Amino acid sequence: MSIDINSVTNSKVPSTSDDPQLKQTAEQPNTQQDSGKSSTTDTVSLSDSAVQLGKLDNSVAPAPVVDTQRVEQVKQAIDNGSYEVDPARVAEKMMRFETVLK
């Protein structure tokens, strides 16, 4: 089944053997592939924000992800039964989080 888009029909695509100009182009070596080097120089520009984020990331990277001392304190408090949850504080923190997301 063929579809006619803007009066374009299925016409034969010329092969390299049909057109001497295409054959010559196909036989020419690609100098970029042969040398492995690009004929142009690529450049990258970073915004000031991206540079600042990169510096921030480098300064934060050495910091531990988890405060192991605090985790141990909470574990001990749970084990000895002295850990208490303040429901009003938890609710307040949840509400702040919700407003930040909006």
Protein backbone atom coordinates (compact mmCIF):
# COMPACT_ATOMS: atom_id res chain seq x y z
CA MET A 1 0.00 0.00 0.00
CA SER A 2 1.46 3.37 -0.95
CA ILE A 3 0.58 6.79 0.39
CA ASP A 4 0.74 9.92 -1.76
CA ILE A 5 2.01 12.78 0.40
CA ASN A 6 2.00 16.13 -1.35
CA SER A 7 2.01 14.47 -4.78
CA VAL A 8 5.16 12.53 -3.99
CA THR A 9 5.05 9.09 -5.49
CA ASN A 10 7.15 6.00 -5.17
CA SER A 11 9.83 6.75 -7.67
CA LYS A 12 12.99 4.76 -8.09
CA VAL A 13 15.86 6.06 -6.01
CA PRO A 14 18.95 6.24 -8.20
CA SER A 15 21.70 3.87 -7.20
CA THR A 16 25.36 4.75 -7.39
CA SER A 17 25.76 2.64 -10.48
CA ASP A 18 23.00 4.60 -12.32
CA ASP A 19 24.45 8.07 -11.73
CA PRO A 20 28.15 8.67 -12.43
CA GLN A 21 28.21 11.75 -10.13
CA LEU A 22 26.83 9.74 -7.21
CA LYS A 23 29.28 6.95 -7.93
CA GLN A 24 32.22 9.39 -7.82
CA THR A 25 31.01 10.87 -4.52
CA ALA A 26 30.54 7.44 -3.01
CA GLU A 27 34.04 6.38 -3.95
CA GLN A 28 35.78 9.43 -2.46
CA PRO A 29 37.36 8.64 0.90
CA ASN A 30 36.07 10.37 3.98
CA THR A 31 39.06 12.31 5.29
CA GLN A 32 37.48 12.77 8.72
CA GLN A 33 37.09 9.01 9.20
CA ASP A 34 40.52 8.28 7.77
CA SER A 35 42.39 10.70 10.02
CA GLY A 36 40.16 10.23 13.08
CA LYS A 37 40.12 14.00 13.60
CA SER A 38 37.35 16.50 13.05
CA SER A 39 37.88 19.31 10.62
CA THR A 40 36.13 21.72 13.01
CA THR A 41 36.62 22.51 16.67
CA ASP A 42 33.73 21.98 19.06
CA THR A 43 33.26 24.33 21.98
CA VAL A 44 31.10 24.13 25.07
CA SER A 45 29.89 27.11 27.09
CA LEU A 46 28.48 26.76 30.59
CA SER A 47 26.18 29.30 32.16
CA ASP A 48 27.18 31.00 35.40
CA SER A 49 24.55 28.93 37.21
CA ALA A 50 26.01 25.69 35.87
CA VAL A 51 29.50 26.71 37.00
CA GLN A 52 28.18 27.59 40.48
CA LEU A 53 26.32 24.27 40.71
CA GLY A 54 29.49 22.43 39.74
CA LYS A 55 31.46 24.20 42.48
CA LEU A 56 28.70 23.50 45.00
CA ASP A 57 28.64 19.84 44.02
CA ASN A 58 32.41 19.59 44.47
CA SER A 59 32.24 21.20 47.92
CA VAL A 60 29.35 19.00 49.13
CA ALA A 61 30.60 15.71 47.66
CA PRO A 62 32.99 14.85 50.52
CA ALA A 63 30.26 15.28 53.17
CA PRO A 64 28.65 12.07 54.41
CA VAL A 65 25.11 11.39 53.20
CA VAL A 66 23.94 10.10 56.59
CA ASP A 67 24.72 11.51 60.01
CA THR A 68 25.76 8.20 61.59
CA GLN A 69 26.08 9.73 65.06
CA ARG A 70 22.46 10.94 64.97
CA VAL A 71 21.27 7.55 63.68
CA GLU A 72 22.99 5.82 66.62
CA GLN A 73 21.39 8.26 69.07
CA VAL A 74 17.92 7.54 67.68
CA LYS A 75 18.54 3.77 67.72
CA GLN A 76 19.60 3.90 71.36
CA ALA A 77 16.59 6.05 72.26
CA ILE A 78 14.25 3.57 70.56
CA ASP A 79 15.97 0.60 72.24
CA ASN A 80 15.73 2.07 75.74
CA GLY A 81 12.20 3.44 75.22
CA SER A 82 13.04 7.12 75.56
CA TYR A 83 12.33 8.11 71.95
CA GLU A 84 9.28 10.34 71.69
CA VAL A 85 7.49 11.65 68.62
CA ASP A 86 5.96 15.12 68.76
CA PRO A 87 2.91 14.83 66.47
CA ALA A 88 2.42 18.61 66.27
CA ARG A 89 6.03 19.10 65.11
CA VAL A 90 5.70 16.31 62.53
CA ALA A 91 2.47 17.85 61.20
CA GLU A 92 4.08 21.29 61.00
CA LYS A 93 7.06 19.92 59.06
CA MET A 94 4.73 18.09 56.66
CA MET A 95 2.75 21.27 56.02
CA ARG A 96 5.95 23.25 55.31
CA PHE A 97 7.04 20.55 52.90
CA GLU A 98 3.70 20.71 51.08
CA THR A 99 3.90 24.49 50.68
CA VAL A 100 7.47 24.25 49.32
CA LEU A 101 6.31 21.75 46.69
CA LYS A 102 3.59 24.06 45.42
